Each structure stands twice: as C-alpha cells, then as structure tokens.
Amino acid sequence: MNKSEMAKKLAKKCDLSEAKAAEVVNAIFGTDSGKGIIATELDGGRKVTITGFGSFETRSRAARMGRNPATGQQIRIPAKKYANFRAGQGLKDRVER
C-alpha cells in the first residue's frame, strides 16, 4: 500500500474527501522539510510513540571500517543517523494471528 492508496482507504473509512484524506496522510507521514509530524519530531531528536502500534526514533551508528566486496580494499564507513521503527505489542499480536 502506498500513500495514495492509504488516503483512499482513510477517505472511505472516515467519510472524508480523498483530497482531505491525502492532506491528513501527508501531514502525518510527509518527508519534505518542515512537513510531516513524525519526520519533524525525529529531526528534533524526539521519539514518537503510538501506543499499541509502535514507536519511531532516531538512532546513531558509529563510524567503522569496512571492506569493498569487489576489491577487498578497506574503506572507512562514516557515522550516520537513521530512523528506526519498533512495532508495539498490539501490532505484533495482530500480525501474529
């Protein structure tokens, strides 16, 4: 499912227009700078927890040495920050059924 399909389902389920539903989905999940509630919170280093569904947080990975698989030469892999999602118990139970 992509964002437009999600918006269509939201529109049907909540009796909204498809345009309004798409606006809501983009307000929550948008990734453009300054948009998207989840992305904005992660930018600020804050955790987003949706009880029963899961939590989003930013994690850091330290710089390390790696190996180029084609040449075998050692390379330096730089440190980076990344978004992480951890499923909540309600979602885990639902998927498990």
PDB file of N, CA and C in Angstrom:
ATOM      1  N   MET A   1       0.850  -1.169   0.000  1.00  0.00           N
ATOM      2  CA  MET A   1       0.000   0.000   0.000  1.00  0.00           C
ATOM      3  C   MET A   1       0.898   1.234   0.000  1.00  0.00           C
ATOM      4  N   ASN A   2       0.569   2.197  -0.844  1.00  0.00           N
ATOM      5  CA  ASN A   2       1.312   3.458  -0.840  1.00  0.00           C
ATOM      6  C   ASN A   2       0.447   4.564  -0.222  1.00  0.00           C
ATOM      7  N   LYS A   3       0.984   5.789  -0.179  1.00  0.00           N
ATOM      8  CA  LYS A   3       0.269   6.882   0.499  1.00  0.00           C
ATOM      9  C   LYS A   3      -1.065   7.199  -0.162  1.00  0.00           C
ATOM     10  N   SER A   4      -1.138   7.169  -1.484  1.00  0.00           N
ATOM     11  CA  SER A   4      -2.405   7.498  -2.148  1.00  0.00           C
ATOM     12  C   SER A   4      -3.458   6.418  -1.889  1.00  0.00           C
ATOM     13  N   GLU A   5      -3.039   5.152  -1.845  1.00  0.00           N
ATOM     14  CA  GLU A   5      -3.980   4.079  -1.520  1.00  0.00           C
ATOM     15  C   GLU A   5      -4.442   4.199  -0.073  1.00  0.00           C
ATOM     16  N   MET A   6      -3.527   4.571   0.813  1.00  0.00           N
ATOM     17  CA  MET A   6      -3.887   4.772   2.213  1.00  0.00           C
ATOM     18  C   MET A   6      -4.896   5.915   2.340  1.00  0.00           C
ATOM     19  N   ALA A   7      -4.679   6.989   1.597  1.00  0.00           N
ATOM     20  CA  ALA A   7      -5.589   8.135   1.636  1.00  0.00           C
ATOM     21  C   ALA A   7      -6.979   7.734   1.154  1.00  0.00           C
ATOM     22  N   LYS A   8      -7.053   6.914   0.106  1.00  0.00           N
ATOM     23  CA  LYS A   8      -8.357   6.452  -0.401  1.00  0.00           C
ATOM     24  C   LYS A   8      -9.091   5.631   0.651  1.00  0.00           C
ATOM     25  N   LYS A   9      -8.367   4.736   1.321  1.00  0.00           N
ATOM     26  CA  LYS A   9      -8.991   3.922   2.368  1.00  0.00           C
ATOM     27  C   LYS A   9      -9.429   4.774   3.553  1.00  0.00           C
ATOM     28  N   LEU A  10      -8.600   5.756   3.920  1.00  0.00           N
ATOM     29  CA  LEU A  10      -8.951   6.666   5.007  1.00  0.00           C
ATOM     30  C   LEU A  10     -10.196   7.466   4.646  1.00  0.00           C
ATOM     31  N   ALA A  11     -10.270   7.941   3.408  1.00  0.00           N
ATOM     32  CA  ALA A  11     -11.429   8.712   2.951  1.00  0.00           C
ATOM     33  C   ALA A  11     -12.703   7.890   3.066  1.00  0.00           C
ATOM     34  N   LYS A  12     -12.627   6.635   2.659  1.00  0.00           N
ATOM     35  CA  LYS A  12     -13.787   5.750   2.716  1.00  0.00           C
ATOM     36  C   LYS A  12     -14.196   5.469   4.159  1.00  0.00           C
ATOM     37  N   LYS A  13     -13.202   5.152   4.998  1.00  0.00           N
ATOM     38  CA  LYS A  13     -13.467   4.750   6.382  1.00  0.00           C
ATOM     39  C   LYS A  13     -13.988   5.902   7.240  1.00  0.00           C
ATOM     40  N   CYS A  14     -13.493   7.122   6.997  1.00  0.00           N
ATOM     41  CA  CYS A  14     -13.850   8.259   7.845  1.00  0.00           C
ATOM     42  C   CYS A  14     -14.786   9.244   7.170  1.00  0.00           C
ATOM     43  N   ASP A  15     -15.333   8.887   6.034  1.00  0.00           N
ATOM     44  CA  ASP A  15     -16.268   9.745   5.300  1.00  0.00           C
ATOM     45  C   ASP A  15     -15.660  11.122   5.032  1.00  0.00           C
ATOM     46  N   LEU A  16     -14.453  11.128   4.455  1.00  0.00           N
ATOM     47  CA  LEU A  16     -13.756  12.352   4.066  1.00  0.00           C
ATOM     48  C   LEU A  16     -13.613  12.377   2.551  1.00  0.00           C
ATOM     49  N   SER A  17     -13.320  13.542   2.019  1.00  0.00           N
ATOM     50  CA  SER A  17     -12.986  13.594   0.598  1.00  0.00           C
ATOM     51  C   SER A  17     -11.591  12.997   0.444  1.00  0.00           C
ATOM     52  N   GLU A  18     -11.295  12.490  -0.747  1.00  0.00           N
ATOM     53  CA  GLU A  18      -9.970  11.906  -0.972  1.00  0.00           C
ATOM     54  C   GLU A  18      -8.879  12.957  -0.833  1.00  0.00           C
ATOM     55  N   ALA A  19      -9.166  14.202  -1.218  1.00  0.00           N
ATOM     56  CA  ALA A  19      -8.175  15.279  -1.106  1.00  0.00           C
ATOM     57  C   ALA A  19      -7.865  15.571   0.361  1.00  0.00           C
ATOM     58  N   LYS A  20      -8.894  15.617   1.198  1.00  0.00           N
ATOM     59  CA  LYS A  20      -8.691  15.880   2.628  1.00  0.00           C
ATOM     60  C   LYS A  20      -7.946  14.715   3.286  1.00  0.00           C
ATOM     61  N   ALA A  21      -8.296  13.492   2.895  1.00  0.00           N
ATOM     62  CA  ALA A  21      -7.615  12.317   3.446  1.00  0.00           C
ATOM     63  C   ALA A  21      -6.140  12.318   3.047  1.00  0.00           C
ATOM     64  N   ALA A  22      -5.844  12.692   1.801  1.00  0.00           N
ATOM     65  CA  ALA A  22      -4.452  12.764   1.349  1.00  0.00           C
ATOM     66  C   ALA A  22      -3.692  13.828   2.132  1.00  0.00           C
ATOM     67  N   GLU A  23      -4.361  14.928   2.446  1.00  0.00           N
ATOM     68  CA  GLU A  23      -3.758  16.004   3.242  1.00  0.00           C
ATOM     69  C   GLU A  23      -3.411  15.498   4.645  1.00  0.00           C
ATOM     70  N   VAL A  24      -4.300  14.722   5.231  1.00  0.00           N
ATOM     71  CA  VAL A  24      -4.075  14.166   6.570  1.00  0.00           C
ATOM     72  C   VAL A  24      -2.898  13.187   6.548  1.00  0.00           C
ATOM     73  N   VAL A  25      -2.880  12.285   5.567  1.00  0.00           N
ATOM     74  CA  VAL A  25      -1.796  11.307   5.458  1.00  0.00           C
ATOM     75  C   VAL A  25      -0.461  12.024   5.274  1.00  0.00           C
ATOM     76  N   ASN A  26      -0.427  13.044   4.421  1.00  0.00           N
ATOM     77  CA  ASN A  26       0.810  13.798   4.204  1.00  0.00           C
ATOM     78  C   ASN A  26       1.218  14.586   5.441  1.00  0.00           C
ATOM     79  N   ALA A  27       0.251  15.067   6.209  1.00  0.00           N
ATOM     80  CA  ALA A  27       0.563  15.809   7.435  1.00  0.00           C
ATOM     81  C   ALA A  27       1.232  14.908   8.466  1.00  0.00           C
ATOM     82  N   ILE A  28       0.895  13.637   8.450  1.00  0.00           N
ATOM     83  CA  ILE A  28       1.483  12.698   9.402  1.00  0.00           C
ATOM     84  C   ILE A  28       2.780  12.095   8.870  1.00  0.00           C
ATOM     85  N   PHE A  29       2.759  11.630   7.614  1.00  0.00           N
ATOM     86  CA  PHE A  29       3.872  10.847   7.085  1.00  0.00           C
ATOM     87  C   PHE A  29       4.765  11.580   6.086  1.00  0.00           C
ATOM     88  N   GLY A  30       4.514  12.844   5.815  1.00  0.00           N
ATOM     89  CA  GLY A  30       5.309  13.583   4.837  1.00  0.00           C
ATOM     90  C   GLY A  30       6.781  13.640   5.217  1.00  0.00           C
ATOM     91  N   THR A  31       7.650  13.661   4.192  1.00  0.00           N
ATOM     92  CA  THR A  31       9.087  13.700   4.449  1.00  0.00           C
ATOM     93  C   THR A  31       9.744  14.976   3.942  1.00  0.00           C
ATOM     94  N   ASP A  32       8.981  15.864   3.322  1.00  0.00           N
ATOM     95  CA  ASP A  32       9.545  17.143   2.879  1.00  0.00           C
ATOM     96  C   ASP A  32       9.932  17.968   4.100  1.00  0.00           C
ATOM     97  N   SER A  33      10.940  18.812   3.949  1.00  0.00           N
ATOM     98  CA  SER A  33      11.428  19.621   5.056  1.00  0.00           C
ATOM     99  C   SER A  33      10.305  20.472   5.658  1.00  0.00           C
ATOM    100  N   GLY A  34      10.154  20.405   6.976  1.00  0.00           N
ATOM    101  CA  GLY A  34       9.146  21.190   7.669  1.00  0.00           C
ATOM    102  C   GLY A  34       7.753  20.607   7.607  1.00  0.00           C
ATOM    103  N   LYS A  35       7.587  19.461   6.978  1.00  0.00           N
ATOM    104  CA  LYS A  35       6.273  18.823   6.866  1.00  0.00           C
ATOM    105  C   LYS A  35       6.353  17.429   7.460  1.00  0.00           C
ATOM    106  N   GLY A  36       5.235  16.868   7.764  1.00  0.00           N
ATOM    107  CA  GLY A  36       5.197  15.525   8.321  1.00  0.00           C
ATOM    108  C   GLY A  36       5.496  15.533   9.803  1.00  0.00           C
ATOM    109  N   ILE A  37       4.505  15.235  10.590  1.00  0.00           N
ATOM    110  CA  ILE A  37       4.631  15.272  12.046  1.00  0.00           C
ATOM    111  C   ILE A  37       5.720  14.311  12.536  1.00  0.00           C
ATOM    112  N   ILE A  38       5.729  13.093  12.035  1.00  0.00           N
ATOM    113  CA  ILE A  38       6.705  12.107  12.501  1.00  0.00           C
ATOM    114  C   ILE A  38       8.121  12.538  12.133  1.00  0.00           C
ATOM    115  N   ALA A  39       8.333  12.931  10.877  1.00  0.00           N
ATOM    116  CA  ALA A  39       9.674  13.338  10.433  1.00  0.00           C
ATOM    117  C   ALA A  39      10.169  14.569  11.191  1.00  0.00           C
ATOM    118  N   THR A  40       9.288  15.509  11.459  1.00  0.00           N
ATOM    119  CA  THR A  40       9.671  16.716  12.190  1.00  0.00           C
ATOM    120  C   THR A  40      10.112  16.377  13.606  1.00  0.00           C
ATOM    121  N   GLU A  41       9.396  15.481  14.255  1.00  0.00           N
ATOM    122  CA  GLU A  41       9.766  15.067  15.607  1.00  0.00           C
ATOM    123  C   GLU A  41      11.111  14.334  15.607  1.00  0.00           C
ATOM    124  N   LEU A  42      11.331  13.480  14.624  1.00  0.00           N
ATOM    125  CA  LEU A  42      12.602  12.757  14.537  1.00  0.00           C
ATOM    126  C   LEU A  42      13.751  13.715  14.255  1.00  0.00           C
ATOM    127  N   ASP A  43      13.507  14.750  13.428  1.00  0.00           N
ATOM    128  CA  ASP A  43      14.527  15.773  13.167  1.00  0.00           C
ATOM    129  C   ASP A  43      14.981  16.428  14.463  1.00  0.00           C
ATOM    130  N   GLY A  44      14.030  16.634  15.380  1.00  0.00           N
ATOM    131  CA  GLY A  44      14.333  17.272  16.659  1.00  0.00           C
ATOM    132  C   GLY A  44      14.906  16.311  17.685  1.00  0.00           C
ATOM    133  N   GLY A  45      15.130  15.059  17.298  1.00  0.00           N
ATOM    134  CA  GLY A  45      15.696  14.079  18.223  1.00  0.00           C
ATOM    135  C   GLY A  45      14.683  13.508  19.203  1.00  0.00           C
ATOM    136  N   ARG A  46      13.403  13.712  18.922  1.00  0.00           N
ATOM    137  CA  ARG A  46      12.366  13.214  19.822  1.00  0.00           C
ATOM    138  C   ARG A  46      11.798  11.892  19.314  1.00  0.00           C
ATOM    139  N   LYS A  47      11.276  11.102  20.226  1.00  0.00           N
ATOM    140  CA  LYS A  47      10.685   9.806  19.917  1.00  0.00           C
ATOM    141  C   LYS A  47       9.180   9.982  19.710  1.00  0.00           C
ATOM    142  N   VAL A  48       8.611   9.248  18.765  1.00  0.00           N
ATOM    143  CA  VAL A  48       7.165   9.274  18.518  1.00  0.00           C
ATOM    144  C   VAL A  48       6.627   7.899  18.874  1.00  0.00           C
ATOM    145  N   THR A  49       5.736   7.839  19.858  1.00  0.00           N
ATOM    146  CA  THR A  49       5.161   6.575  20.296  1.00  0.00           C
ATOM    147  C   THR A  49       3.664   6.585  20.058  1.00  0.00           C
ATOM    148  N   ILE A  50       3.187   5.588  19.343  1.00  0.00           N
ATOM    149  CA  ILE A  50       1.754   5.407  19.116  1.00  0.00           C
ATOM    150  C   ILE A  50       1.406   4.111  19.833  1.00  0.00           C
ATOM    151  N   THR A  51       0.803   4.238  20.998  1.00  0.00           N
ATOM    152  CA  THR A  51       0.544   3.099  21.868  1.00  0.00           C
ATOM    153  C   THR A  51      -0.196   1.995  21.120  1.00  0.00           C
ATOM    154  N   GLY A  52       0.316   0.781  21.245  1.00  0.00           N
ATOM    155  CA  GLY A  52      -0.282  -0.371  20.598  1.00  0.00           C
ATOM    156  C   GLY A  52       0.190  -0.568  19.163  1.00  0.00           C
ATOM    157  N   PHE A  53       0.690   0.490  18.521  1.00  0.00           N
ATOM    158  CA  PHE A  53       1.148   0.383  17.135  1.00  0.00           C
ATOM    159  C   PHE A  53       2.660   0.271  17.063  1.00  0.00           C
ATOM    160  N   GLY A  54       3.354   1.233  17.692  1.00  0.00           N
ATOM    161  CA  GLY A  54       4.807   1.175  17.683  1.00  0.00           C
ATOM    162  C   GLY A  54       5.428   2.517  17.963  1.00  0.00           C
ATOM    163  N   SER A  55       6.747   2.561  17.865  1.00  0.00           N
ATOM    164  CA  SER A  55       7.451   3.812  18.128  1.00  0.00           C
ATOM    165  C   SER A  55       8.525   4.056  17.065  1.00  0.00           C
ATOM    166  N   PHE A  56       8.697   5.326  16.751  1.00  0.00           N
ATOM    167  CA  PHE A  56       9.701   5.791  15.811  1.00  0.00           C
ATOM    168  C   PHE A  56      10.739   6.556  16.620  1.00  0.00           C
ATOM    169  N   GLU A  57      12.004   6.352  16.308  1.00  0.00           N
ATOM    170  CA  GLU A  57      13.062   7.095  16.977  1.00  0.00           C
ATOM    171  C   GLU A  57      14.253   7.231  16.045  1.00  0.00           C
ATOM    172  N   THR A  58      15.154   8.138  16.397  1.00  0.00           N
ATOM    173  CA  THR A  58      16.380   8.329  15.638  1.00  0.00           C
ATOM    174  C   THR A  58      17.506   7.639  16.383  1.00  0.00           C
ATOM    175  N   ARG A  59      18.296   6.877  15.644  1.00  0.00           N
ATOM    176  CA  ARG A  59      19.451   6.205  16.232  1.00  0.00           C
ATOM    177  C   ARG A  59      20.704   6.639  15.490  1.00  0.00           C
ATOM    178  N   SER A  60      21.832   6.439  16.138  1.00  0.00           N
ATOM    179  CA  SER A  60      23.120   6.793  15.527  1.00  0.00           C
ATOM    180  C   SER A  60      23.963   5.541  15.362  1.00  0.00           C
ATOM    181  N   ARG A  61      24.668   5.488  14.261  1.00  0.00           N
ATOM    182  CA  ARG A  61      25.598   4.397  14.007  1.00  0.00           C
ATOM    183  C   ARG A  61      26.999   5.005  13.947  1.00  0.00           C
ATOM    184  N   ALA A  62      27.929   4.464  14.700  1.00  0.00           N
ATOM    185  CA  ALA A  62      29.293   4.987  14.758  1.00  0.00           C
ATOM    186  C   ALA A  62      30.040   4.696  13.453  1.00  0.00           C
ATOM    187  N   ALA A  63      31.052   5.501  13.186  1.00  0.00           N
ATOM    188  CA  ALA A  63      31.917   5.256  12.027  1.00  0.00           C
ATOM    189  C   ALA A  63      32.644   3.940  12.246  1.00  0.00           C
ATOM    190  N   ARG A  64      32.946   3.256  11.157  1.00  0.00           N
ATOM    191  CA  ARG A  64      33.632   1.978  11.287  1.00  0.00           C
ATOM    192  C   ARG A  64      34.409   1.669  10.012  1.00  0.00           C
ATOM    193  N   MET A  65      35.241   0.681  10.106  1.00  0.00           N
ATOM    194  CA  MET A  65      35.995   0.233   8.937  1.00  0.00           C
ATOM    195  C   MET A  65      35.230  -0.912   8.287  1.00  0.00           C
ATOM    196  N   GLY A  66      35.187  -0.890   6.957  1.00  0.00           N
ATOM    197  CA  GLY A  66      34.519  -1.933   6.202  1.00  0.00           C
ATOM    198  C   GLY A  66      35.425  -2.406   5.086  1.00  0.00           C
ATOM    199  N   ARG A  67      34.888  -3.241   4.226  1.00  0.00           N
ATOM    200  CA  ARG A  67      35.685  -3.778   3.138  1.00  0.00           C
ATOM    201  C   ARG A  67      34.868  -3.693   1.852  1.00  0.00           C
ATOM    202  N   ASN A  68      35.490  -3.180   0.794  1.00  0.00           N
ATOM    203  CA  ASN A  68      34.860  -3.134  -0.513  1.00  0.00           C
ATOM    204  C   ASN A  68      34.783  -4.573  -1.029  1.00  0.00           C
ATOM    205  N   PRO A  69      33.564  -5.104  -1.256  1.00  0.00           N
ATOM    206  CA  PRO A  69      33.459  -6.507  -1.650  1.00  0.00           C
ATOM    207  C   PRO A  69      34.057  -6.798  -3.029  1.00  0.00           C
ATOM    208  N   ALA A  70      34.117  -5.805  -3.882  1.00  0.00           N
ATOM    209  CA  ALA A  70      34.656  -6.027  -5.232  1.00  0.00           C
ATOM    210  C   ALA A  70      36.182  -6.102  -5.232  1.00  0.00           C
ATOM    211  N   THR A  71      36.830  -5.261  -4.429  1.00  0.00           N
ATOM    212  CA  THR A  71      38.295  -5.183  -4.459  1.00  0.00           C
ATOM    213  C   THR A  71      38.963  -5.743  -3.214  1.00  0.00           C
ATOM    214  N   GLY A  72      38.197  -5.881  -2.130  1.00  0.00           N
ATOM    215  CA  GLY A  72      38.765  -6.339  -0.875  1.00  0.00           C
ATOM    216  C   GLY A  72      39.492  -5.239  -0.110  1.00  0.00           C
ATOM    217  N   GLN A  73      39.534  -4.042  -0.676  1.00  0.00           N
ATOM    218  CA  GLN A  73      40.229  -2.913  -0.046  1.00  0.00           C
ATOM    219  C   GLN A  73      39.440  -2.413   1.165  1.00  0.00           C
ATOM    220  N   GLN A  74      40.145  -2.047   2.233  1.00  0.00           N
ATOM    221  CA  GLN A  74      39.485  -1.493   3.418  1.00  0.00           C
ATOM    222  C   GLN A  74      39.020  -0.082   3.122  1.00  0.00           C
ATOM    223  N   ILE A  75      37.790   0.215   3.589  1.00  0.00           N
ATOM    224  CA  ILE A  75      37.241   1.567   3.425  1.00  0.00           C
ATOM    225  C   ILE A  75      36.687   2.025   4.759  1.00  0.00           C
ATOM    226  N   ARG A  76      36.600   3.342   4.914  1.00  0.00           N
ATOM    227  CA  ARG A  76      36.028   3.922   6.129  1.00  0.00           C
ATOM    228  C   ARG A  76      34.560   4.210   5.859  1.00  0.00           C
ATOM    229  N   ILE A  77      33.684   3.663   6.678  1.00  0.00           N
ATOM    230  CA  ILE A  77      32.256   3.913   6.573  1.00  0.00           C
ATOM    231  C   ILE A  77      31.922   4.995   7.599  1.00  0.00           C
ATOM    232  N   PRO A  78      31.405   6.148   7.142  1.00  0.00           N
ATOM    233  CA  PRO A  78      31.171   7.261   8.063  1.00  0.00           C
ATOM    234  C   PRO A  78      30.011   7.006   9.033  1.00  0.00           C
ATOM    235  N   ALA A  79      30.011   7.745  10.130  1.00  0.00           N
ATOM    236  CA  ALA A  79      28.913   7.683  11.105  1.00  0.00           C
ATOM    237  C   ALA A  79      27.658   8.231  10.449  1.00  0.00           C
ATOM    238  N   LYS A  80      26.503   7.774  10.919  1.00  0.00           N
ATOM    239  CA  LYS A  80      25.258   8.318  10.374  1.00  0.00           C
ATOM    240  C   LYS A  80      24.116   8.157  11.370  1.00  0.00           C
ATOM    241  N   LYS A  81      23.100   8.973  11.182  1.00  0.00           N
ATOM    242  CA  LYS A  81      21.860   8.867  11.947  1.00  0.00           C
ATOM    243  C   LYS A  81      20.830   8.222  11.044  1.00  0.00           C
ATOM    244  N   TYR A  82      19.923   7.439  11.636  1.00  0.00           N
ATOM    245  CA  TYR A  82      18.893   6.797  10.839  1.00  0.00           C
ATOM    246  C   TYR A  82      17.605   6.674  11.647  1.00  0.00           C
ATOM    247  N   ALA A  83      16.496   6.574  10.935  1.00  0.00           N
ATOM    248  CA  ALA A  83      15.196   6.412  11.578  1.00  0.00           C
ATOM    249  C   ALA A  83      14.987   4.931  11.871  1.00  0.00           C
ATOM    250  N   ASN A  84      14.392   4.648  13.016  1.00  0.00           N
ATOM    251  CA  ASN A  84      14.141   3.283  13.422  1.00  0.00           C
ATOM    252  C   ASN A  84      12.688   3.160  13.863  1.00  0.00           C
ATOM    253  N   PHE A  85      12.045   2.034  13.511  1.00  0.00           N
ATOM    254  CA  PHE A  85      10.680   1.762  13.944  1.00  0.00           C
ATOM    255  C   PHE A  85      10.675   0.455  14.709  1.00  0.00           C
ATOM    256  N   ARG A  86      10.002   0.471  15.836  1.00  0.00           N
ATOM    257  CA  ARG A  86       9.846  -0.746  16.631  1.00  0.00           C
ATOM    258  C   ARG A  86       8.354  -0.987  16.825  1.00  0.00           C
ATOM    259  N   ALA A  87       7.875  -2.131  16.367  1.00  0.00           N
ATOM    260  CA  ALA A  87       6.457  -2.457  16.451  1.00  0.00           C
ATOM    261  C   ALA A  87       6.027  -2.624  17.903  1.00  0.00           C
ATOM    262  N   GLY A  88       4.829  -2.127  18.215  1.00  0.00           N
ATOM    263  CA  GLY A  88       4.260  -2.273  19.548  1.00  0.00           C
ATOM    264  C   GLY A  88       3.610  -3.632  19.715  1.00  0.00           C
ATOM    265  N   GLN A  89       3.273  -3.979  20.936  1.00  0.00           N
ATOM    266  CA  GLN A  89       2.717  -5.297  21.220  1.00  0.00           C
ATOM    267  C   GLN A  89       1.391  -5.530  20.503  1.00  0.00           C
ATOM    268  N   GLY A  90       0.539  -4.513  20.421  1.00  0.00           N
ATOM    269  CA  GLY A  90      -0.745  -4.671  19.731  1.00  0.00           C
ATOM    270  C   GLY A  90      -0.563  -5.025  18.265  1.00  0.00           C
ATOM    271  N   LEU A  91       0.375  -4.362  17.591  1.00  0.00           N
ATOM    272  CA  LEU A  91       0.650  -4.648  16.182  1.00  0.00           C
ATOM    273  C   LEU A  91       1.270  -6.032  16.028  1.00  0.00           C
ATOM    274  N   LYS A  92       2.187  -6.381  16.931  1.00  0.00           N
ATOM    275  CA  LYS A  92       2.807  -7.708  16.871  1.00  0.00           C
ATOM    276  C   LYS A  92       1.762  -8.798  17.013  1.00  0.00           C
ATOM    277  N   ASP A  93       0.849  -8.626  17.983  1.00  0.00           N
ATOM    278  CA  ASP A  93      -0.208  -9.619  18.218  1.00  0.00           C
ATOM    279  C   ASP A  93      -1.125  -9.731  17.007  1.00  0.00           C
ATOM    280  N   ARG A  94      -1.463  -8.605  16.401  1.00  0.00           N
ATOM    281  CA  ARG A  94      -2.368  -8.583  15.240  1.00  0.00           C
ATOM    282  C   ARG A  94      -1.757  -9.306  14.048  1.00  0.00           C
ATOM    283  N   VAL A  95      -0.482  -9.067  13.798  1.00  0.00           N
ATOM    284  CA  VAL A  95       0.200  -9.687  12.662  1.00  0.00           C
ATOM    285  C   VAL A  95       0.409 -11.176  12.905  1.00  0.00           C
ATOM    286  N   GLU A  96       0.608 -11.531  14.148  1.00  0.00           N
ATOM    287  CA  GLU A  96       0.875 -12.920  14.514  1.00  0.00           C
ATOM    288  C   GLU A  96      -0.317 -13.835  14.244  1.00  0.00           C
ATOM    289  N   ARG A  97      -1.525 -13.302  14.337  1.00  0.00           N
ATOM    290  CA  ARG A  97      -2.739 -14.134  14.183  1.00  0.00           C
ATOM    291  C   ARG A  97      -2.818 -14.784  12.844  1.00  0.00           C
TER     292      ARG A  97
END
